[in-house]
């Protein structure tokens, strides 16, 4: 980066500006299968005004900017493929306001989902979007994150009320008020949600909150086959049972989870359910699902109603990604996140399993199957070029299968670097060109996270 530019940033931000190799390396990697690509420098911002100041300086020098939250993304979103400055928002970690009467909260972008829920405990409210990792709310909005609760509560798309955003020229805008609905102009909130830092830098997020329900109960049930488990989920959703969580874990993944989280779950095709509501409604939901599961050969129902038991179960589920890496020393994982209409879920997931069976390295399937979304995890040797290439071939086949069923290449991870080609296949060139025009209008010098989502 230009020496004069570095000097200005160093004088302004002091120790919060760094070109140290270790700091740059930390900010040049995520959980994707790509090798690290560090930025030229890192600046730690403390508020929206500082972000705007940094962006104005970068805009004057036409220098790339990458926003960084918790570093938990899976598709190469954070990699500085064209160099530039990473703005670390993790120290923007204040809960700005909790409006319990309106069921909303406003937080700085670096607040994590766990920190928000901790702050909400005295109010009897919760923020339900749960992607597994303790991701930042700004990052979750930028990638349109989802997670285990999406089948009942939706994704970030449905749960972001409004945003404060710094645009490519350093202006500060607010995309919406806290009103429950509005017909005022273009829906800028939805445009920035899922834009992966390519249209603006999200600095504050206003989200919906929900009451903590009177009763919560989780259940684990085993099935004789993958099809039996998936058919149980499909019938449950089609009957309108309002389950809060519905997760499929294959037998191979159960073994990995047992080893990593010190559990003793039966190594079989398994569903994790969770039910929220009143005592009576939870009992009713659980009874219906138990009857459906038994029709499909489900057995060994195990219930977890105490908070500590439920937390242990879901912590193990959330750690499934790291459990998969644990089965092979020095490995790296390629993780798909296709999503299909619920009526095509069985065909898609069974087809994916057949594709994965071509591999001689570890593979697993784990998914938020209640909304048609599931992950195939391919555990590869990062130094084996042939294995990497074959894994990507299998990944391509799984995505192609989902697209053939009117599905999507990414239900929750986003595009980043890894899925750029898939987006073209899914959306078509005309739609991609419209996206390019939006990008050029918002960021004419292409300084905001360049090289991501699609090629300009």
Protein backbone atom coordinates (compact mmCIF):
# COMPACT_ATOMS: atom_id res chain seq x y z
CA UNK A 1 0.00 0.00 0.00
CA UNK A 2 1.22 3.58 -0.59
CA UNK A 3 3.56 4.69 2.19
CA UNK A 4 1.85 8.06 2.59
CA UNK A 5 -1.54 6.36 2.93
CA UNK A 6 -0.20 3.97 5.59
CA UNK A 7 1.28 6.92 7.47
CA UNK A 8 -2.07 8.76 7.56
CA UNK A 9 -3.85 5.68 8.94
CA UNK A 10 -1.10 4.98 11.45
CA UNK A 11 -1.16 8.55 12.78
CA UNK A 12 -4.96 8.53 13.02
CA UNK A 13 -5.53 5.09 14.56
CA UNK A 14 -2.26 4.38 16.33
CA UNK A 15 -2.04 0.81 17.63
CA UNK A 16 -5.41 0.02 16.01
CA UNK A 17 -3.70 0.15 12.60
CA UNK A 18 -1.40 -2.79 11.87
CA UNK A 19 0.69 -4.15 9.04
CA UNK A 20 2.18 -6.90 11.23
CA UNK A 21 2.40 -10.23 9.43
CA UNK A 22 0.62 -12.16 12.18
CA UNK A 23 -2.31 -9.71 12.30
CA UNK A 24 -2.63 -9.70 8.52
CA UNK A 25 -2.45 -13.51 8.37
CA UNK A 26 -5.21 -13.83 10.98
CA UNK A 27 -7.48 -11.60 8.88
CA UNK A 28 -6.62 -13.34 5.62
CA UNK A 29 -8.24 -16.68 6.36
CA UNK A 30 -11.66 -18.08 7.18
CA UNK A 31 -13.17 -21.57 7.39
CA UNK A 32 -13.16 -22.02 3.61
CA UNK A 33 -10.97 -24.56 1.76
CA UNK A 34 -8.86 -21.71 0.29
CA UNK A 35 -5.31 -20.91 1.32
CA UNK A 36 -4.97 -17.67 3.31
CA UNK A 37 -4.76 -14.39 1.37
CA UNK A 38 -3.88 -11.62 3.83
CA UNK A 39 -4.72 -7.92 3.36
CA UNK A 40 -2.04 -5.21 3.21
CA UNK A 41 -3.14 -3.80 6.57
CA UNK A 42 -5.82 -4.07 9.26
CA UNK A 43 -7.68 -1.27 11.05
CA UNK A 44 -9.83 -1.84 14.13
CA UNK A 45 -12.86 0.48 14.09
CA UNK A 46 -14.89 1.46 17.16
CA UNK A 47 -17.93 3.18 15.64
CA UNK A 48 -19.75 4.02 12.41
CA UNK A 49 -18.03 7.38 12.06
CA UNK A 50 -14.60 5.76 12.14
CA UNK A 51 -15.65 3.25 9.47
CA UNK A 52 -16.86 6.14 7.31
CA UNK A 53 -13.54 7.93 7.84
CA UNK A 54 -11.55 4.86 6.80
CA UNK A 55 -13.75 4.28 3.75
CA UNK A 56 -13.33 7.90 2.62
CA UNK A 57 -9.55 7.55 2.84
CA UNK A 58 -9.63 4.27 0.90
CA UNK A 59 -11.98 5.75 -1.70
CA UNK A 60 -9.58 8.66 -2.26
CA UNK A 61 -6.80 6.16 -2.99
CA UNK A 62 -9.14 3.65 -4.72
CA UNK A 63 -7.87 1.06 -2.25
CA UNK A 64 -9.86 -2.16 -1.62
CA UNK A 65 -11.75 -2.65 1.67
CA UNK A 66 -12.83 -5.92 3.30
CA UNK A 67 -15.11 -5.94 6.35
CA UNK A 68 -14.25 -8.50 9.04
CA UNK A 69 -16.46 -9.73 11.87
CA UNK A 70 -15.70 -13.08 13.51
CA UNK A 71 -13.89 -14.84 10.65
CA UNK A 72 -16.34 -17.76 10.59
CA UNK A 73 -17.43 -17.60 6.94
CA UNK A 74 -17.05 -20.70 4.79
CA UNK A 75 -16.74 -19.53 1.19
CA UNK A 76 -13.69 -17.23 1.09
CA UNK A 77 -15.63 -14.02 1.78
CA UNK A 78 -12.78 -12.46 3.80
CA UNK A 79 -9.83 -13.19 1.54
CA UNK A 80 -8.04 -10.12 0.20
CA UNK A 81 -7.82 -11.34 -3.39
CA UNK A 82 -6.95 -7.84 -4.63
CA UNK A 83 -5.08 -6.70 -1.55
CA UNK A 84 -6.38 -3.78 0.45
CA UNK A 85 -7.36 -2.92 4.01
CA UNK A 86 -9.42 -5.10 6.31
CA UNK A 87 -11.69 -3.14 8.64
CA UNK A 88 -12.08 -5.29 11.74
CA UNK A 89 -15.48 -4.59 13.33
CA UNK A 90 -15.11 -7.00 16.26
CA UNK A 91 -14.49 -4.13 18.71
CA UNK A 92 -17.78 -2.52 17.63
CA UNK A 93 -19.48 -4.76 20.19
CA UNK A 94 -22.05 -2.56 21.93
CA UNK A 95 -25.73 -3.36 22.25
CA UNK A 96 -27.07 0.05 21.26
CA UNK A 97 -30.66 -0.42 22.44
CA UNK A 98 -33.14 -3.11 23.43
CA UNK A 99 -36.73 -2.11 22.72
CA UNK A 100 -38.49 -4.93 24.50
CA UNK A 101 -41.98 -3.50 23.97
CA UNK A 102 -41.41 -3.41 20.20
CA UNK A 103 -39.56 -6.75 20.09
CA UNK A 104 -36.45 -5.23 18.48
CA UNK A 105 -32.82 -4.63 19.39
CA UNK A 106 -30.14 -2.53 17.70
CA UNK A 107 -26.52 -3.61 17.95
CA UNK A 108 -23.18 -2.64 16.51
CA UNK A 109 -21.99 -4.97 13.77
CA UNK A 110 -19.41 -6.75 15.92
CA UNK A 111 -21.90 -7.99 18.54
CA UNK A 112 -22.15 -11.77 18.34
CA UNK A 113 -25.38 -13.72 18.57
CA UNK A 114 -24.39 -15.21 21.94
CA UNK A 115 -23.54 -11.78 23.35
CA UNK A 116 -26.92 -10.41 22.23
CA UNK A 117 -28.80 -13.31 23.81
CA UNK A 118 -26.85 -12.84 27.04
CA UNK A 119 -27.89 -9.17 27.09
CA UNK A 120 -31.51 -10.20 26.45
CA UNK A 121 -31.78 -12.60 29.40
CA UNK A 122 -33.40 -10.08 31.81
CA UNK A 123 -36.07 -9.22 29.22
CA UNK A 124 -37.42 -12.74 28.61
CA UNK A 125 -36.69 -12.31 24.90
CA UNK A 126 -34.32 -14.05 22.51
CA UNK A 127 -32.73 -13.67 19.09
CA UNK A 128 -33.20 -17.10 17.44
CA UNK A 129 -30.99 -17.06 14.34
CA UNK A 130 -28.30 -19.59 15.08
CA UNK A 131 -25.75 -20.46 12.37
CA UNK A 132 -23.74 -22.58 14.79
CA UNK A 133 -20.61 -20.45 14.97
CA UNK A 134 -20.73 -17.48 17.35
CA UNK A 135 -20.86 -15.18 14.34
CA UNK A 136 -21.18 -11.40 14.46
CA UNK A 137 -24.56 -9.87 13.65
CA UNK A 138 -23.01 -7.71 10.93
CA UNK A 139 -21.48 -10.75 9.26
CA UNK A 140 -24.69 -12.71 9.62
CA UNK A 141 -26.61 -9.92 7.89
CA UNK A 142 -23.96 -9.59 5.17
CA UNK A 143 -24.14 -13.30 4.31
CA UNK A 144 -27.90 -13.68 4.91
CA UNK A 145 -27.13 -16.34 7.50
CA UNK A 146 -29.54 -18.98 8.71
CA UNK A 147 -29.14 -22.01 10.97
CA UNK A 148 -30.90 -24.63 13.02
CA UNK A 149 -33.91 -22.47 13.98
CA UNK A 150 -34.72 -21.27 10.46
CA UNK A 151 -37.53 -23.79 9.93
CA UNK A 152 -39.61 -21.85 12.49
CA UNK A 153 -38.09 -18.36 12.77
CA UNK A 154 -36.71 -17.77 9.28
CA UNK A 155 -33.29 -16.46 8.24
CA UNK A 156 -31.55 -13.09 8.60
CA UNK A 157 -33.56 -11.92 5.60
CA UNK A 158 -36.79 -12.15 7.62
CA UNK A 159 -35.28 -10.94 10.90
CA UNK A 160 -33.36 -7.79 10.00
CA UNK A 161 -35.55 -4.72 10.51
CA UNK A 162 -33.03 -2.11 9.39
CA UNK A 163 -29.34 -1.35 8.97
CA UNK A 164 -26.83 1.44 9.31
CA UNK A 165 -24.47 1.20 6.35
CA UNK A 166 -21.37 3.07 5.20
CA UNK A 167 -21.42 3.40 1.42
CA UNK A 168 -18.43 3.21 -0.92
CA UNK A 169 -17.96 7.00 -0.82
CA UNK A 170 -18.05 7.11 2.98
CA UNK A 171 -21.61 8.31 3.46
CA UNK A 172 -23.65 6.94 6.39
CA UNK A 173 -27.18 5.80 5.58
CA UNK A 174 -29.99 4.13 7.51
CA UNK A 175 -32.00 1.71 5.41
CA UNK A 176 -35.26 1.65 7.43
CA UNK A 177 -37.00 2.78 10.59
CA UNK A 178 -38.09 0.41 13.35
CA UNK A 179 -41.69 0.39 12.12
CA UNK A 180 -43.04 -3.11 11.59
CA UNK A 181 -43.78 -2.42 7.93
CA UNK A 182 -43.16 0.25 5.34
CA UNK A 183 -43.88 0.92 1.66
CA UNK A 184 -41.42 3.83 1.44
CA UNK A 185 -39.21 3.49 -1.62
CA UNK A 186 -36.85 0.69 -2.53
CA UNK A 187 -36.19 -1.95 0.10
CA UNK A 188 -32.52 -1.10 0.72
CA UNK A 189 -32.41 -3.32 3.79
CA UNK A 190 -33.01 -6.45 1.74
CA UNK A 191 -30.50 -5.30 -0.86
CA UNK A 192 -27.69 -5.03 1.68
CA UNK A 193 -28.67 -8.23 3.52
CA UNK A 194 -26.75 -10.93 1.66
CA UNK A 195 -24.53 -8.52 -0.31
CA UNK A 196 -21.39 -9.92 1.38
CA UNK A 197 -19.78 -6.52 1.91
CA UNK A 198 -19.74 -5.68 -1.81
CA UNK A 199 -22.29 -2.82 -1.72
CA UNK A 200 -21.60 -1.20 1.66
CA UNK A 201 -20.23 -1.90 5.12
CA UNK A 202 -22.88 -2.75 7.71
CA UNK A 203 -22.07 -1.02 11.03
CA UNK A 204 -25.33 -1.41 12.97
CA UNK A 205 -28.14 -3.95 12.74
CA UNK A 206 -31.69 -3.75 14.08
CA UNK A 207 -33.18 -7.22 14.49
CA UNK A 208 -36.46 -8.82 15.53
CA UNK A 209 -36.74 -10.46 18.94
CA UNK A 210 -39.03 -13.24 20.15
CA UNK A 211 -40.35 -14.21 23.59
CA UNK A 212 -38.62 -17.12 25.26
CA UNK A 213 -41.29 -19.78 25.18
CA UNK A 214 -42.78 -21.40 28.27
CA UNK A 215 -41.53 -24.85 27.30
CA UNK A 216 -38.74 -26.25 25.13
CA UNK A 217 -38.08 -29.90 24.51
CA UNK A 218 -35.55 -31.66 22.30
CA UNK A 219 -35.67 -35.21 21.00
CA UNK A 220 -33.23 -37.56 19.30
CA UNK A 221 -34.60 -40.40 17.18
CA UNK A 222 -32.84 -43.06 15.07
CA UNK A 223 -33.97 -44.48 11.73
CA UNK A 224 -33.14 -47.60 9.75
CA UNK A 225 -32.35 -45.61 6.59
CA UNK A 226 -31.68 -42.15 5.23
CA UNK A 227 -34.98 -42.20 3.30
CA UNK A 228 -36.98 -43.06 6.42
CA UNK A 229 -35.49 -40.11 8.30
CA UNK A 230 -36.03 -37.65 5.45
CA UNK A 231 -39.59 -38.83 4.79
CA UNK A 232 -40.37 -38.22 8.46
CA UNK A 233 -39.21 -34.61 8.11
CA UNK A 234 -41.15 -34.06 4.89
CA UNK A 235 -44.39 -35.37 6.38
CA UNK A 236 -43.88 -33.30 9.55
CA UNK A 237 -43.45 -30.07 7.57
CA UNK A 238 -46.26 -30.81 5.13
CA UNK A 239 -48.63 -31.40 8.07
CA UNK A 240 -47.76 -27.94 9.38
CA UNK A 241 -46.25 -29.05 12.70
CA UNK A 242 -44.42 -25.89 13.92
CA UNK A 243 -41.15 -27.56 14.93
CA UNK A 244 -38.42 -25.12 15.99
CA UNK A 245 -35.54 -27.32 14.85
CA UNK A 246 -35.32 -30.35 12.59
CA UNK A 247 -31.80 -31.60 11.93
CA UNK A 248 -30.58 -34.68 10.08
CA UNK A 249 -27.20 -36.23 10.97
CA UNK A 250 -25.91 -39.24 9.07
CA UNK A 251 -24.45 -42.28 10.80
CA UNK A 252 -20.87 -41.30 9.88
CA UNK A 253 -21.31 -37.83 11.33
CA UNK A 254 -22.75 -39.30 14.53
CA UNK A 255 -19.53 -41.28 15.01
CA UNK A 256 -17.48 -38.13 14.53
CA UNK A 257 -19.67 -36.15 16.95
CA UNK A 258 -19.45 -38.90 19.57
CA UNK A 259 -15.65 -38.83 19.40
CA UNK A 260 -15.36 -35.03 19.42
CA UNK A 261 -18.08 -34.15 21.96
CA UNK A 262 -17.75 -37.24 24.17
CA UNK A 263 -21.33 -38.40 23.54
CA UNK A 264 -22.72 -41.90 23.18
CA UNK A 265 -25.34 -41.49 20.47
CA UNK A 266 -26.29 -44.54 18.45
CA UNK A 267 -24.43 -44.49 15.09
CA UNK A 268 -27.50 -44.45 12.88
CA UNK A 269 -29.39 -42.07 10.60
CA UNK A 270 -30.58 -39.58 13.21
CA UNK A 271 -32.97 -36.65 13.54
CA UNK A 272 -32.67 -33.98 16.21
CA UNK A 273 -35.95 -32.16 16.88
CA UNK A 274 -36.76 -29.24 19.13
CA UNK A 275 -40.23 -27.98 20.04
CA UNK A 276 -41.11 -24.53 21.44
CA UNK A 277 -44.38 -23.28 22.92
CA UNK A 278 -46.63 -23.81 25.89
CA UNK A 279 -46.42 -27.06 27.84
CA UNK A 280 -49.55 -28.30 26.08
CA UNK A 281 -48.48 -27.29 22.56
CA UNK A 282 -45.01 -28.79 22.98
CA UNK A 283 -46.55 -32.06 24.14
CA UNK A 284 -48.94 -32.03 21.17
CA UNK A 285 -46.16 -31.31 18.64
CA UNK A 286 -43.92 -33.97 20.13
CA UNK A 287 -46.71 -36.54 20.06
CA UNK A 288 -47.50 -35.90 16.39
CA UNK A 289 -43.84 -36.12 15.36
CA UNK A 290 -43.33 -39.26 17.42
CA UNK A 291 -46.27 -40.94 15.65
CA UNK A 292 -44.91 -39.90 12.22
CA UNK A 293 -41.44 -41.15 13.09
CA UNK A 294 -42.75 -44.53 14.22
CA UNK A 295 -44.60 -44.94 10.92
CA UNK A 296 -41.20 -44.66 9.22
CA UNK A 297 -39.36 -47.01 11.56
CA UNK A 298 -38.09 -44.38 14.00
CA UNK A 299 -37.01 -45.81 17.34
CA UNK A 300 -35.09 -45.09 20.54
CA UNK A 301 -36.67 -41.68 21.16
CA UNK A 302 -34.57 -39.84 23.72
CA UNK A 303 -35.90 -36.61 25.24
CA UNK A 304 -33.98 -33.63 26.62
CA UNK A 305 -36.08 -31.09 28.50
CA UNK A 306 -33.56 -29.66 30.98
CA UNK A 307 -31.68 -26.62 29.57
CA UNK A 308 -28.28 -28.19 30.28
CA UNK A 309 -29.21 -31.37 28.38
CA UNK A 310 -30.59 -29.44 25.41
CA UNK A 311 -27.54 -27.18 25.35
CA UNK A 312 -25.18 -30.15 25.38
CA UNK A 313 -27.06 -31.73 22.48
CA UNK A 314 -27.11 -28.60 20.34
CA UNK A 315 -23.52 -27.69 21.18
CA UNK A 316 -22.51 -31.10 19.87
CA UNK A 317 -24.57 -30.46 16.71
CA UNK A 318 -22.98 -27.05 16.20
CA UNK A 319 -19.52 -28.57 16.59
CA UNK A 320 -20.19 -31.14 13.88
CA UNK A 321 -18.00 -29.24 11.40
CA UNK A 322 -15.01 -29.39 13.75
CA UNK A 323 -15.88 -32.99 14.61
CA UNK A 324 -15.60 -33.86 10.93
CA UNK A 325 -12.11 -32.33 10.74
CA UNK A 326 -11.14 -34.36 13.79
CA UNK A 327 -11.59 -37.66 11.94
CA UNK A 328 -8.55 -36.95 9.77
CA UNK A 329 -5.43 -35.23 11.06
CA UNK A 330 -4.35 -32.13 9.13
CA UNK A 331 -7.48 -32.15 7.00
CA UNK A 332 -9.60 -29.39 5.54
CA UNK A 333 -13.29 -29.55 4.72
CA UNK A 334 -15.33 -28.55 1.71
CA UNK A 335 -18.90 -27.96 2.88
CA UNK A 336 -21.87 -27.66 0.55
CA UNK A 337 -25.15 -26.01 1.58
CA UNK A 338 -27.63 -26.73 -1.16
CA UNK A 339 -31.32 -26.16 -0.48
CA UNK A 340 -34.30 -27.56 -2.41
CA UNK A 341 -38.10 -27.38 -2.16
CA UNK A 342 -39.21 -29.66 0.65
CA UNK A 343 -40.98 -31.98 -1.82
CA UNK A 344 -37.62 -32.71 -3.50
CA UNK A 345 -35.61 -33.13 -0.30
CA UNK A 346 -35.54 -36.95 -0.33
CA UNK A 347 -34.41 -37.10 -3.97
CA UNK A 348 -31.76 -34.45 -3.39
CA UNK A 349 -30.24 -35.82 -0.21
CA UNK A 350 -30.33 -39.47 -1.34
CA UNK A 351 -28.78 -38.40 -4.65
CA UNK A 352 -26.08 -36.48 -2.78
CA UNK A 353 -25.28 -39.56 -0.71
CA UNK A 354 -24.81 -41.63 -3.89
CA UNK A 355 -22.45 -38.96 -5.26
CA UNK A 356 -20.43 -38.89 -2.03
CA UNK A 357 -20.13 -42.67 -2.05
CA UNK A 358 -17.68 -42.30 -4.96
CA UNK A 359 -15.12 -40.83 -2.55
CA UNK A 360 -12.48 -42.81 -0.68
CA UNK A 361 -12.00 -39.97 1.84
CA UNK A 362 -14.40 -39.22 4.73
CA UNK A 363 -17.75 -37.65 3.80
CA UNK A 364 -20.79 -36.83 5.91
CA UNK A 365 -24.23 -35.28 5.56
CA UNK A 366 -25.66 -32.92 8.16
CA UNK A 367 -28.57 -30.64 7.54
CA UNK A 368 -31.29 -28.22 8.55
CA UNK A 369 -33.63 -30.49 6.67
CA UNK A 370 -36.80 -28.87 8.00
CA UNK A 371 -36.35 -26.13 5.41
CA UNK A 372 -34.81 -28.29 2.68
CA UNK A 373 -31.20 -27.25 3.44
CA UNK A 374 -28.40 -29.72 4.09
CA UNK A 375 -24.61 -29.82 4.17
CA UNK A 376 -22.32 -32.37 2.61
CA UNK A 377 -18.92 -32.30 4.30
CA UNK A 378 -15.96 -33.60 2.29
CA UNK A 379 -12.91 -34.06 4.51
CA UNK A 380 -9.84 -33.76 2.31
CA UNK A 381 -6.06 -33.65 2.48
CA UNK A 382 -5.23 -30.03 1.52
CA UNK A 383 -1.88 -31.12 0.07
CA UNK A 384 -3.33 -33.76 -2.25
CA UNK A 385 -4.13 -31.98 -5.52
CA UNK A 386 -5.91 -34.97 -7.08
CA UNK A 387 -8.09 -35.43 -4.02
CA UNK A 388 -8.94 -31.73 -3.95
CA UNK A 389 -9.89 -31.77 -7.62
CA UNK A 390 -12.05 -34.88 -7.20
CA UNK A 391 -13.77 -33.39 -4.16
CA UNK A 392 -14.64 -30.29 -6.18
CA UNK A 393 -16.04 -32.54 -8.93
CA UNK A 394 -18.33 -34.21 -6.38
CA UNK A 395 -19.29 -30.80 -5.01
CA UNK A 396 -20.23 -29.71 -8.54
CA UNK A 397 -22.40 -32.78 -9.03
CA UNK A 398 -24.25 -32.16 -5.77
CA UNK A 399 -24.96 -28.54 -6.72
CA UNK A 400 -26.03 -29.50 -10.24
CA UNK A 401 -28.45 -32.01 -8.74
CA UNK A 402 -29.98 -29.35 -6.48
CA UNK A 403 -30.29 -26.84 -9.32
CA UNK A 404 -32.04 -29.47 -11.46
CA UNK A 405 -34.67 -29.68 -8.70
CA UNK A 406 -35.32 -25.91 -8.68
CA UNK A 407 -33.03 -25.53 -5.68
CA UNK A 408 -30.15 -23.21 -4.89
CA UNK A 409 -26.38 -23.60 -4.68
CA UNK A 410 -26.32 -21.93 -1.25
CA UNK A 411 -29.01 -21.98 1.39
CA UNK A 412 -27.03 -19.97 3.95
CA UNK A 413 -23.25 -19.72 3.40
CA UNK A 414 -23.34 -17.21 0.55
CA UNK A 415 -21.29 -17.07 -2.66
CA UNK A 416 -17.92 -15.54 -1.70
CA UNK A 417 -15.22 -16.97 -3.95
CA UNK A 418 -16.17 -20.63 -3.91
CA UNK A 419 -19.60 -20.48 -5.52
CA UNK A 420 -19.17 -17.77 -8.17
CA UNK A 421 -19.56 -20.24 -11.03
CA UNK A 422 -22.59 -21.84 -9.40
CA UNK A 423 -24.32 -18.44 -9.15
CA UNK A 424 -24.05 -18.02 -12.92
CA UNK A 425 -25.57 -21.48 -13.42
CA UNK A 426 -28.38 -20.70 -10.98
CA UNK A 427 -29.28 -17.11 -11.86
CA UNK A 428 -28.30 -16.87 -15.53
CA UNK A 429 -26.16 -14.27 -17.28
CA UNK A 430 -28.94 -11.67 -17.59
CA UNK A 431 -29.58 -11.68 -13.85
CA UNK A 432 -25.83 -11.56 -13.15
CA UNK A 433 -25.48 -8.55 -15.44
CA UNK A 434 -28.25 -6.79 -13.50
CA UNK A 435 -26.32 -7.53 -10.29
CA UNK A 436 -23.19 -6.07 -11.90
CA UNK A 437 -25.07 -2.88 -12.73
CA UNK A 438 -26.22 -2.56 -9.13
CA UNK A 439 -22.63 -3.11 -7.95
CA UNK A 440 -21.30 -0.42 -10.31
CA UNK A 441 -23.97 2.04 -9.18
CA UNK A 442 -23.19 1.48 -5.49
CA UNK A 443 -19.41 1.04 -5.85
CA UNK A 444 -18.17 2.51 -9.15
CA UNK A 445 -14.48 2.07 -8.25
CA UNK A 446 -15.01 -1.55 -7.08
CA UNK A 447 -13.28 -1.05 -3.72
CA UNK A 448 -15.77 -2.94 -1.52
CA UNK A 449 -14.72 -6.60 -1.16
CA UNK A 450 -13.74 -6.85 -4.84
CA UNK A 451 -13.56 -10.21 -6.59
CA UNK A 452 -16.48 -11.75 -4.69
CA UNK A 453 -19.95 -13.05 -5.76
CA UNK A 454 -19.39 -12.47 -9.51
CA UNK A 455 -16.69 -11.21 -11.87
CA UNK A 456 -17.02 -7.63 -13.09
